[in-house]
PDB file of N, CA and C in Angstrom:
ATOM      1  N   UNK A   1     109.399  70.139  85.057  1.00  0.00           N
ATOM      2  CA  UNK A   1     109.709  70.432  86.441  1.00  0.00           C
ATOM      3  C   UNK A   1     109.457  69.171  87.262  1.00  0.00           C
ATOM      4  N   UNK A   2     110.456  68.710  87.934  1.00  0.00           N
ATOM      5  CA  UNK A   2     110.354  67.493  88.729  1.00  0.00           C
ATOM      6  C   UNK A   2     109.811  67.825  90.115  1.00  0.00           C
ATOM      7  N   UNK A   3     108.986  66.929  90.643  1.00  0.00           N
ATOM      8  CA  UNK A   3     108.438  67.098  91.983  1.00  0.00           C
ATOM      9  C   UNK A   3     109.324  66.341  92.951  1.00  0.00           C
ATOM     10  N   UNK A   4     109.786  67.040  93.983  1.00  0.00           N
ATOM     11  CA  UNK A   4     110.642  66.416  94.973  1.00  0.00           C
ATOM     12  C   UNK A   4     109.783  65.688  95.998  1.00  0.00           C
ATOM     13  N   UNK A   5     110.163  64.467  96.312  1.00  0.00           N
ATOM     14  CA  UNK A   5     109.469  63.727  97.350  1.00  0.00           C
ATOM     15  C   UNK A   5     110.110  64.051  98.688  1.00  0.00           C
ATOM     16  N   UNK A   6     109.259  64.308  99.681  1.00  0.00           N
ATOM     17  CA  UNK A   6     109.771  64.590 101.005  1.00  0.00           C
ATOM     18  C   UNK A   6     110.052  63.280 101.728  1.00  0.00           C
ATOM     19  N   UNK A   7     111.037  63.326 102.578  1.00  0.00           N
ATOM     20  CA  UNK A   7     111.335  62.150 103.390  1.00  0.00           C
ATOM     21  C   UNK A   7     110.229  61.984 104.421  1.00  0.00           C
ATOM     22  N   UNK A   8     109.719  60.784 104.560  1.00  0.00           N
ATOM     23  CA  UNK A   8     108.704  60.540 105.564  1.00  0.00           C
ATOM     24  C   UNK A   8     109.375  60.298 106.901  1.00  0.00           C
ATOM     25  N   UNK A   9     108.865  60.960 107.920  1.00  0.00           N
ATOM     26  CA  UNK A   9     109.420  60.836 109.252  1.00  0.00           C
ATOM     27  C   UNK A   9     108.530  59.942 110.093  1.00  0.00           C
ATOM     28  N   UNK A  10     109.064  59.495 111.184  1.00  0.00           N
ATOM     29  CA  UNK A  10     108.307  58.740 112.155  1.00  0.00           C
ATOM     30  C   UNK A  10     107.250  59.665 112.767  1.00  0.00           C
ATOM     31  N   UNK A  11     105.977  59.244 112.893  1.00  0.00           N
ATOM     32  CA  UNK A  11     104.953  60.123 113.471  1.00  0.00           C
ATOM     33  C   UNK A  11     105.305  60.615 114.870  1.00  0.00           C
ATOM     34  N   UNK A  12     106.033  59.793 115.632  1.00  0.00           N
ATOM     35  CA  UNK A  12     106.439  60.203 116.970  1.00  0.00           C
ATOM     36  C   UNK A  12     107.481  61.303 116.972  1.00  0.00           C
ATOM     37  N   UNK A  13     108.230  61.434 115.886  1.00  0.00           N
ATOM     38  CA  UNK A  13     109.221  62.508 115.819  1.00  0.00           C
ATOM     39  C   UNK A  13     108.610  63.796 115.278  1.00  0.00           C
ATOM     40  N   UNK A  14     107.459  63.705 114.630  1.00  0.00           N
ATOM     41  CA  UNK A  14     106.772  64.908 114.131  1.00  0.00           C
ATOM     42  C   UNK A  14     105.997  65.557 115.267  1.00  0.00           C
ATOM     43  N   UNK A  15     105.168  64.778 115.961  1.00  0.00           N
ATOM     44  CA  UNK A  15     104.397  65.292 117.088  1.00  0.00           C
ATOM     45  C   UNK A  15     105.166  64.937 118.356  1.00  0.00           C
ATOM     46  N   UNK A  16     105.771  65.956 118.974  1.00  0.00           N
ATOM     47  CA  UNK A  16     106.618  65.687 120.122  1.00  0.00           C
ATOM     48  C   UNK A  16     105.811  65.482 121.395  1.00  0.00           C
ATOM     49  N   UNK A  17     104.749  66.291 121.612  1.00  0.00           N
ATOM     50  CA  UNK A  17     103.934  66.141 122.817  1.00  0.00           C
ATOM     51  C   UNK A  17     102.663  66.969 122.678  1.00  0.00           C
ATOM     52  N   UNK A  18     101.621  66.612 123.448  1.00  0.00           N
ATOM     53  CA  UNK A  18     100.459  67.495 123.500  1.00  0.00           C
ATOM     54  C   UNK A  18     100.824  68.749 124.291  1.00  0.00           C
ATOM     55  N   UNK A  19     100.249  69.860 123.928  1.00  0.00           N
ATOM     56  CA  UNK A  19     100.524  71.121 124.607  1.00  0.00           C
ATOM     57  C   UNK A  19      99.416  71.341 125.631  1.00  0.00           C
ATOM     58  N   UNK A  20      99.746  71.157 126.911  1.00  0.00           N
ATOM     59  CA  UNK A  20      98.750  71.215 127.966  1.00  0.00           C
ATOM     60  C   UNK A  20      98.858  72.567 128.682  1.00  0.00           C
ATOM     61  N   UNK A  21      97.922  73.447 128.364  1.00  0.00           N
ATOM     62  CA  UNK A  21      97.833  74.764 128.980  1.00  0.00           C
ATOM     63  C   UNK A  21      96.361  75.050 129.264  1.00  0.00           C
ATOM     64  N   UNK A  22      96.091  76.131 129.953  1.00  0.00           N
ATOM     65  CA  UNK A  22      94.698  76.502 130.218  1.00  0.00           C
ATOM     66  C   UNK A  22      93.969  76.789 128.910  1.00  0.00           C
ATOM     67  N   UNK A  23      94.631  77.484 128.017  1.00  0.00           N
ATOM     68  CA  UNK A  23      94.006  77.833 126.741  1.00  0.00           C
ATOM     69  C   UNK A  23      93.703  76.577 125.923  1.00  0.00           C
ATOM     70  N   UNK A  24      94.633  75.636 125.886  1.00  0.00           N
ATOM     71  CA  UNK A  24      94.391  74.424 125.109  1.00  0.00           C
ATOM     72  C   UNK A  24      93.294  73.568 125.735  1.00  0.00           C
ATOM     73  N   UNK A  25      93.147  73.617 127.058  1.00  0.00           N
ATOM     74  CA  UNK A  25      92.071  72.879 127.723  1.00  0.00           C
ATOM     75  C   UNK A  25      90.710  73.446 127.349  1.00  0.00           C
ATOM     76  N   UNK A  26      90.617  74.747 127.273  1.00  0.00           N
ATOM     77  CA  UNK A  26      89.355  75.383 126.870  1.00  0.00           C
ATOM     78  C   UNK A  26      89.054  75.080 125.405  1.00  0.00           C
ATOM     79  N   UNK A  27      90.078  75.134 124.557  1.00  0.00           N
ATOM     80  CA  UNK A  27      89.870  74.864 123.136  1.00  0.00           C
ATOM     81  C   UNK A  27      89.504  73.411 122.867  1.00  0.00           C
ATOM     82  N   UNK A  28      89.988  72.485 123.688  1.00  0.00           N
ATOM     83  CA  UNK A  28      89.702  71.072 123.453  1.00  0.00           C
ATOM     84  C   UNK A  28      88.219  70.754 123.635  1.00  0.00           C
ATOM     85  N   UNK A  29      87.517  71.569 124.394  1.00  0.00           N
ATOM     86  CA  UNK A  29      86.070  71.394 124.520  1.00  0.00           C
ATOM     87  C   UNK A  29      85.369  71.692 123.200  1.00  0.00           C
ATOM     88  N   UNK A  30      85.992  72.502 122.368  1.00  0.00           N
ATOM     89  CA  UNK A  30      85.451  72.836 121.049  1.00  0.00           C
ATOM     90  C   UNK A  30      86.097  72.037 119.934  1.00  0.00           C
ATOM     91  N   UNK A  31      86.662  70.848 120.256  1.00  0.00           N
ATOM     92  CA  UNK A  31      87.279  69.941 119.288  1.00  0.00           C
ATOM     93  C   UNK A  31      88.510  70.534 118.601  1.00  0.00           C
ATOM     94  N   UNK A  32      89.277  71.350 119.331  1.00  0.00           N
ATOM     95  CA  UNK A  32      90.545  71.884 118.829  1.00  0.00           C
ATOM     96  C   UNK A  32      91.635  71.431 119.801  1.00  0.00           C
ATOM     97  N   UNK A  33      92.614  70.687 119.296  1.00  0.00           N
ATOM     98  CA  UNK A  33      93.667  70.137 120.135  1.00  0.00           C
ATOM     99  C   UNK A  33      95.003  70.734 119.716  1.00  0.00           C
ATOM    100  N   UNK A  34      95.843  71.039 120.698  1.00  0.00           N
ATOM    101  CA  UNK A  34      97.115  71.703 120.442  1.00  0.00           C
ATOM    102  C   UNK A  34      98.269  70.750 120.765  1.00  0.00           C
ATOM    103  N   UNK A  35      99.252  70.705 119.845  1.00  0.00           N
ATOM    104  CA  UNK A  35     100.403  69.820 120.002  1.00  0.00           C
ATOM    105  C   UNK A  35     101.684  70.589 119.735  1.00  0.00           C
ATOM    106  N   UNK A  36     102.756  70.216 120.434  1.00  0.00           N
ATOM    107  CA  UNK A  36     104.102  70.678 120.089  1.00  0.00           C
ATOM    108  C   UNK A  36     104.581  69.782 118.959  1.00  0.00           C
ATOM    109  N   UNK A  37     105.096  70.385 117.902  1.00  0.00           N
ATOM    110  CA  UNK A  37     105.546  69.610 116.751  1.00  0.00           C
ATOM    111  C   UNK A  37     106.981  69.992 116.404  1.00  0.00           C
ATOM    112  N   UNK A  38     107.607  69.180 115.559  1.00  0.00           N
ATOM    113  CA  UNK A  38     108.966  69.463 115.100  1.00  0.00           C
ATOM    114  C   UNK A  38     108.963  70.770 114.307  1.00  0.00           C
ATOM    115  N   UNK A  39     110.031  71.530 114.431  1.00  0.00           N
ATOM    116  CA  UNK A  39     110.061  72.852 113.804  1.00  0.00           C
ATOM    117  C   UNK A  39     110.096  72.789 112.281  1.00  0.00           C
ATOM    118  N   UNK A  40     110.474  71.648 111.710  1.00  0.00           N
ATOM    119  CA  UNK A  40     110.505  71.534 110.255  1.00  0.00           C
ATOM    120  C   UNK A  40     109.314  70.753 109.697  1.00  0.00           C
ATOM    121  N   UNK A  41     108.322  70.445 110.528  1.00  0.00           N
ATOM    122  CA  UNK A  41     107.166  69.655 110.098  1.00  0.00           C
ATOM    123  C   UNK A  41     106.197  70.512 109.288  1.00  0.00           C
ATOM    124  N   UNK A  42     105.635  69.908 108.245  1.00  0.00           N
ATOM    125  CA  UNK A  42     104.637  70.590 107.424  1.00  0.00           C
ATOM    126  C   UNK A  42     103.241  70.167 107.863  1.00  0.00           C
ATOM    127  N   UNK A  43     102.229  70.886 107.391  1.00  0.00           N
ATOM    128  CA  UNK A  43     100.851  70.560 107.761  1.00  0.00           C
ATOM    129  C   UNK A  43     100.450  69.180 107.264  1.00  0.00           C
ATOM    130  N   UNK A  44     100.926  68.791 106.106  1.00  0.00           N
ATOM    131  CA  UNK A  44     100.595  67.476 105.554  1.00  0.00           C
ATOM    132  C   UNK A  44     101.205  66.377 106.419  1.00  0.00           C
ATOM    133  N   UNK A  45     102.453  66.555 106.851  1.00  0.00           N
ATOM    134  CA  UNK A  45     103.102  65.579 107.722  1.00  0.00           C
ATOM    135  C   UNK A  45     102.395  65.488 109.072  1.00  0.00           C
ATOM    136  N   UNK A  46     101.970  66.646 109.595  1.00  0.00           N
ATOM    137  CA  UNK A  46     101.265  66.668 110.872  1.00  0.00           C
ATOM    138  C   UNK A  46      99.933  65.930 110.744  1.00  0.00           C
ATOM    139  N   UNK A  47      99.224  66.146 109.637  1.00  0.00           N
ATOM    140  CA  UNK A  47      97.937  65.481 109.415  1.00  0.00           C
ATOM    141  C   UNK A  47      98.117  63.963 109.372  1.00  0.00           C
ATOM    142  N   UNK A  48      99.130  63.490 108.648  1.00  0.00           N
ATOM    143  CA  UNK A  48      99.388  62.052 108.559  1.00  0.00           C
ATOM    144  C   UNK A  48      99.767  61.477 109.920  1.00  0.00           C
ATOM    145  N   UNK A  49     100.539  62.219 110.704  1.00  0.00           N
ATOM    146  CA  UNK A  49     100.950  61.753 112.025  1.00  0.00           C
ATOM    147  C   UNK A  49      99.746  61.645 112.966  1.00  0.00           C
ATOM    148  N   UNK A  50      98.831  62.614 112.910  1.00  0.00           N
ATOM    149  CA  UNK A  50      97.620  62.574 113.736  1.00  0.00           C
ATOM    150  C   UNK A  50      96.773  61.368 113.356  1.00  0.00           C
ATOM    151  N   UNK A  51      96.652  61.110 112.046  1.00  0.00           N
ATOM    152  CA  UNK A  51      95.883  59.954 111.587  1.00  0.00           C
ATOM    153  C   UNK A  51      96.507  58.656 112.073  1.00  0.00           C
ATOM    154  N   UNK A  52      97.840  58.539 112.025  1.00  0.00           N
ATOM    155  CA  UNK A  52      98.526  57.320 112.445  1.00  0.00           C
ATOM    156  C   UNK A  52      98.453  57.106 113.956  1.00  0.00           C
ATOM    157  N   UNK A  53      98.659  58.165 114.728  1.00  0.00           N
ATOM    158  CA  UNK A  53      98.741  58.027 116.180  1.00  0.00           C
ATOM    159  C   UNK A  53      97.359  57.910 116.822  1.00  0.00           C
ATOM    160  N   UNK A  54      96.443  58.821 116.464  1.00  0.00           N
ATOM    161  CA  UNK A  54      95.156  58.902 117.147  1.00  0.00           C
ATOM    162  C   UNK A  54      93.985  58.302 116.364  1.00  0.00           C
ATOM    163  N   UNK A  55      94.155  58.020 115.084  1.00  0.00           N
ATOM    164  CA  UNK A  55      93.105  57.385 114.301  1.00  0.00           C
ATOM    165  C   UNK A  55      91.944  58.294 113.944  1.00  0.00           C
ATOM    166  N   UNK A  56      92.146  59.603 113.913  1.00  0.00           N
ATOM    167  CA  UNK A  56      91.111  60.552 113.505  1.00  0.00           C
ATOM    168  C   UNK A  56      91.645  61.400 112.351  1.00  0.00           C
ATOM    169  N   UNK A  57      90.740  61.897 111.525  1.00  0.00           N
ATOM    170  CA  UNK A  57      91.139  62.709 110.375  1.00  0.00           C
ATOM    171  C   UNK A  57      90.873  64.176 110.698  1.00  0.00           C
ATOM    172  N   UNK A  58      91.913  65.007 110.741  1.00  0.00           N
ATOM    173  CA  UNK A  58      91.721  66.428 111.024  1.00  0.00           C
ATOM    174  C   UNK A  58      91.011  67.143 109.881  1.00  0.00           C
ATOM    175  N   UNK A  59      90.165  68.104 110.234  1.00  0.00           N
ATOM    176  CA  UNK A  59      89.487  68.930 109.244  1.00  0.00           C
ATOM    177  C   UNK A  59      90.407  70.063 108.804  1.00  0.00           C
ATOM    178  N   UNK A  60      91.106  70.652 109.775  1.00  0.00           N
ATOM    179  CA  UNK A  60      91.976  71.794 109.496  1.00  0.00           C
ATOM    180  C   UNK A  60      93.132  71.771 110.482  1.00  0.00           C
ATOM    181  N   UNK A  61      94.280  72.266 110.041  1.00  0.00           N
ATOM    182  CA  UNK A  61      95.459  72.380 110.907  1.00  0.00           C
ATOM    183  C   UNK A  61      96.054  73.766 110.725  1.00  0.00           C
ATOM    184  N   UNK A  62      96.292  74.444 111.839  1.00  0.00           N
ATOM    185  CA  UNK A  62      97.009  75.715 111.783  1.00  0.00           C
ATOM    186  C   UNK A  62      98.288  75.555 112.590  1.00  0.00           C
ATOM    187  N   UNK A  63      99.347  76.209 112.134  1.00  0.00           N
ATOM    188  CA  UNK A  63     100.625  76.134 112.830  1.00  0.00           C
ATOM    189  C   UNK A  63     101.086  77.532 113.221  1.00  0.00           C
ATOM    190  N   UNK A  64     101.880  77.597 114.270  1.00  0.00           N
ATOM    191  CA  UNK A  64     102.447  78.864 114.722  1.00  0.00           C
ATOM    192  C   UNK A  64     103.862  78.616 115.218  1.00  0.00           C
ATOM    193  N   UNK A  65     104.761  79.516 114.879  1.00  0.00           N
ATOM    194  CA  UNK A  65     106.140  79.433 115.345  1.00  0.00           C
ATOM    195  C   UNK A  65     106.252  80.188 116.659  1.00  0.00           C
ATOM    196  N   UNK A  66     106.831  79.549 117.654  1.00  0.00           N
ATOM    197  CA  UNK A  66     107.025  80.167 118.960  1.00  0.00           C
ATOM    198  C   UNK A  66     108.431  80.733 119.027  1.00  0.00           C
ATOM    199  N   UNK A  67     108.541  81.989 119.405  1.00  0.00           N
ATOM    200  CA  UNK A  67     109.838  82.659 119.433  1.00  0.00           C
ATOM    201  C   UNK A  67     110.620  82.295 120.693  1.00  0.00           C
ATOM    202  N   UNK A  68     111.937  82.392 120.580  1.00  0.00           N
ATOM    203  CA  UNK A  68     112.801  82.227 121.738  1.00  0.00           C
ATOM    204  C   UNK A  68     112.659  83.458 122.624  1.00  0.00           C
ATOM    205  N   UNK A  69     112.717  83.272 123.951  1.00  0.00           N
ATOM    206  CA  UNK A  69     112.551  84.383 124.870  1.00  0.00           C
ATOM    207  C   UNK A  69     113.770  84.477 125.785  1.00  0.00           C
ATOM    208  N   UNK A  70     114.330  85.678 125.942  1.00  0.00           N
ATOM    209  CA  UNK A  70     115.436  85.814 126.886  1.00  0.00           C
ATOM    210  C   UNK A  70     114.906  85.765 128.323  1.00  0.00           C
ATOM    211  N   UNK A  71     115.562  84.997 129.176  1.00  0.00           N
ATOM    212  CA  UNK A  71     115.188  84.888 130.583  1.00  0.00           C
ATOM    213  C   UNK A  71     116.417  85.061 131.444  1.00  0.00           C
ATOM    214  N   UNK A  72     116.192  85.261 132.738  1.00  0.00           N
ATOM    215  CA  UNK A  72     117.303  85.414 133.665  1.00  0.00           C
ATOM    216  C   UNK A  72     116.979  84.629 134.927  1.00  0.00           C
ATOM    217  N   UNK A  73     117.870  83.713 135.287  1.00  0.00           N
ATOM    218  CA  UNK A  73     117.704  82.913 136.493  1.00  0.00           C
ATOM    219  C   UNK A  73     118.941  83.047 137.355  1.00  0.00           C
ATOM    220  N   UNK A  74     118.721  83.443 138.584  1.00  0.00           N
ATOM    221  CA  UNK A  74     119.815  83.600 139.549  1.00  0.00           C
ATOM    222  C   UNK A  74     120.943  84.465 139.001  1.00  0.00           C
ATOM    223  N   UNK A  75     120.564  85.494 138.275  1.00  0.00           N
ATOM    224  CA  UNK A  75     121.535  86.425 137.743  1.00  0.00           C
ATOM    225  C   UNK A  75     122.240  85.974 136.484  1.00  0.00           C
ATOM    226  N   UNK A  76     121.869  84.807 135.969  1.00  0.00           N
ATOM    227  CA  UNK A  76     122.510  84.283 134.768  1.00  0.00           C
ATOM    228  C   UNK A  76     121.520  84.400 133.603  1.00  0.00           C
ATOM    229  N   UNK A  77     121.974  85.044 132.544  1.00  0.00           N
ATOM    230  CA  UNK A  77     121.112  85.205 131.379  1.00  0.00           C
ATOM    231  C   UNK A  77     121.042  83.906 130.590  1.00  0.00           C
ATOM    232  N   UNK A  78     119.868  83.626 130.064  1.00  0.00           N
ATOM    233  CA  UNK A  78     119.683  82.422 129.275  1.00  0.00           C
ATOM    234  C   UNK A  78     118.593  82.637 128.244  1.00  0.00           C
ATOM    235  N   UNK A  79     118.204  81.561 127.609  1.00  0.00           N
ATOM    236  CA  UNK A  79     117.178  81.635 126.578  1.00  0.00           C
ATOM    237  C   UNK A  79     116.159  80.535 126.833  1.00  0.00           C
ATOM    238  N   UNK A  80     114.883  80.904 126.785  1.00  0.00           N
ATOM    239  CA  UNK A  80     113.804  79.933 126.903  1.00  0.00           C
ATOM    240  C   UNK A  80     113.472  79.481 125.486  1.00  0.00           C
ATOM    241  N   UNK A  81     113.503  78.195 125.263  1.00  0.00           N
ATOM    242  CA  UNK A  81     113.371  77.642 123.921  1.00  0.00           C
ATOM    243  C   UNK A  81     112.063  77.954 123.244  1.00  0.00           C
ATOM    244  N   UNK A  82     112.117  78.165 121.973  1.00  0.00           N
ATOM    245  CA  UNK A  82     110.933  78.369 121.159  1.00  0.00           C
ATOM    246  C   UNK A  82     110.518  77.052 120.549  1.00  0.00           C
ATOM    247  N   UNK A  83     109.963  77.095 119.362  1.00  0.00           N
ATOM    248  CA  UNK A  83     109.556  75.872 118.685  1.00  0.00           C
ATOM    249  C   UNK A  83     108.392  76.126 117.761  1.00  0.00           C
ATOM    250  N   UNK A  84     107.563  75.109 117.608  1.00  0.00           N
ATOM    251  CA  UNK A  84     106.413  75.206 116.718  1.00  0.00           C
ATOM    252  C   UNK A  84     105.260  74.454 117.344  1.00  0.00           C
ATOM    253  N   UNK A  85     104.048  75.018 117.226  1.00  0.00           N
ATOM    254  CA  UNK A  85     102.866  74.326 117.720  1.00  0.00           C
ATOM    255  C   UNK A  85     101.852  74.205 116.596  1.00  0.00           C
ATOM    256  N   UNK A  86     101.023  73.169 116.696  1.00  0.00           N
ATOM    257  CA  UNK A  86      99.984  72.936 115.703  1.00  0.00           C
ATOM    258  C   UNK A  86      98.651  72.816 116.413  1.00  0.00           C
ATOM    259  N   UNK A  87      97.636  73.498 115.884  1.00  0.00           N
ATOM    260  CA  UNK A  87      96.285  73.397 116.397  1.00  0.00           C
ATOM    261  C   UNK A  87      95.498  72.547 115.413  1.00  0.00           C
ATOM    262  N   UNK A  88      94.980  71.421 115.891  1.00  0.00           N
ATOM    263  CA  UNK A  88      94.307  70.432 115.051  1.00  0.00           C
ATOM    264  C   UNK A  88      92.805  70.527 115.306  1.00  0.00           C
ATOM    265  N   UNK A  89      92.037  70.798 114.253  1.00  0.00           N
ATOM    266  CA  UNK A  89      90.584  70.908 114.328  1.00  0.00           C
ATOM    267  C   UNK A  89      89.971  69.595 113.856  1.00  0.00           C
ATOM    268  N   UNK A  90      89.037  69.058 114.648  1.00  0.00           N
ATOM    269  CA  UNK A  90      88.380  67.804 114.304  1.00  0.00           C
ATOM    270  C   UNK A  90      86.911  68.039 113.997  1.00  0.00           C
ATOM    271  N   UNK A  91      86.311  67.096 113.249  1.00  0.00           N
ATOM    272  CA  UNK A  91      84.892  67.221 112.936  1.00  0.00           C
ATOM    273  C   UNK A  91      84.069  66.809 114.153  1.00  0.00           C
ATOM    274  N   UNK A  92      82.790  67.136 114.130  1.00  0.00           N
ATOM    275  CA  UNK A  92      81.898  66.857 115.242  1.00  0.00           C
ATOM    276  C   UNK A  92      81.819  65.350 115.472  1.00  0.00           C
ATOM    277  N   UNK A  93      81.947  64.951 116.714  1.00  0.00           N
ATOM    278  CA  UNK A  93      81.905  63.539 117.063  1.00  0.00           C
ATOM    279  C   UNK A  93      83.277  62.916 117.267  1.00  0.00           C
ATOM    280  N   UNK A  94      84.337  63.488 116.697  1.00  0.00           N
ATOM    281  CA  UNK A  94      85.689  62.972 116.875  1.00  0.00           C
ATOM    282  C   UNK A  94      86.315  63.605 118.126  1.00  0.00           C
ATOM    283  N   UNK A  95      87.052  62.797 118.863  1.00  0.00           N
ATOM    284  CA  UNK A  95      87.778  63.305 120.037  1.00  0.00           C
ATOM    285  C   UNK A  95      89.142  62.623 120.097  1.00  0.00           C
ATOM    286  N   UNK A  96      90.041  63.244 120.852  1.00  0.00           N
ATOM    287  CA  UNK A  96      91.365  62.678 121.106  1.00  0.00           C
ATOM    288  C   UNK A  96      91.530  62.595 122.620  1.00  0.00           C
ATOM    289  N   UNK A  97      91.888  61.421 123.109  1.00  0.00           N
ATOM    290  CA  UNK A  97      92.153  61.253 124.544  1.00  0.00           C
ATOM    291  C   UNK A  97      93.631  61.547 124.784  1.00  0.00           C
ATOM    292  N   UNK A  98      93.914  62.682 125.410  1.00  0.00           N
ATOM    293  CA  UNK A  98      95.298  63.077 125.637  1.00  0.00           C
ATOM    294  C   UNK A  98      95.820  62.499 126.947  1.00  0.00           C
ATOM    295  N   UNK A  99      94.999  62.456 127.962  1.00  0.00           N
ATOM    296  CA  UNK A  99      95.445  61.924 129.256  1.00  0.00           C
ATOM    297  C   UNK A  99      94.788  60.608 129.541  1.00  0.00           C
TER     298      UNK A  99
END
């Protein structure tokens, strides 16, 4: 059985942006940081991207798929985009400066 090698992506294309919400601000005090990531990114790719961009080694990474939501603006139906988010857990003493 042959092992397929995954294509390596640019770290900037894997982690699209930090996810800045009230919940993520509270979690960041406990060394948990939330990022919007590419929908096809794996946990291993996310870990490598965090190491390359921020210079810290994550202890654990959890991912969640965000569903698309129907919305209505000015009487016109539309869709609010979904995506994928990753919660990155760091060891004690490590921090990430987002702003």
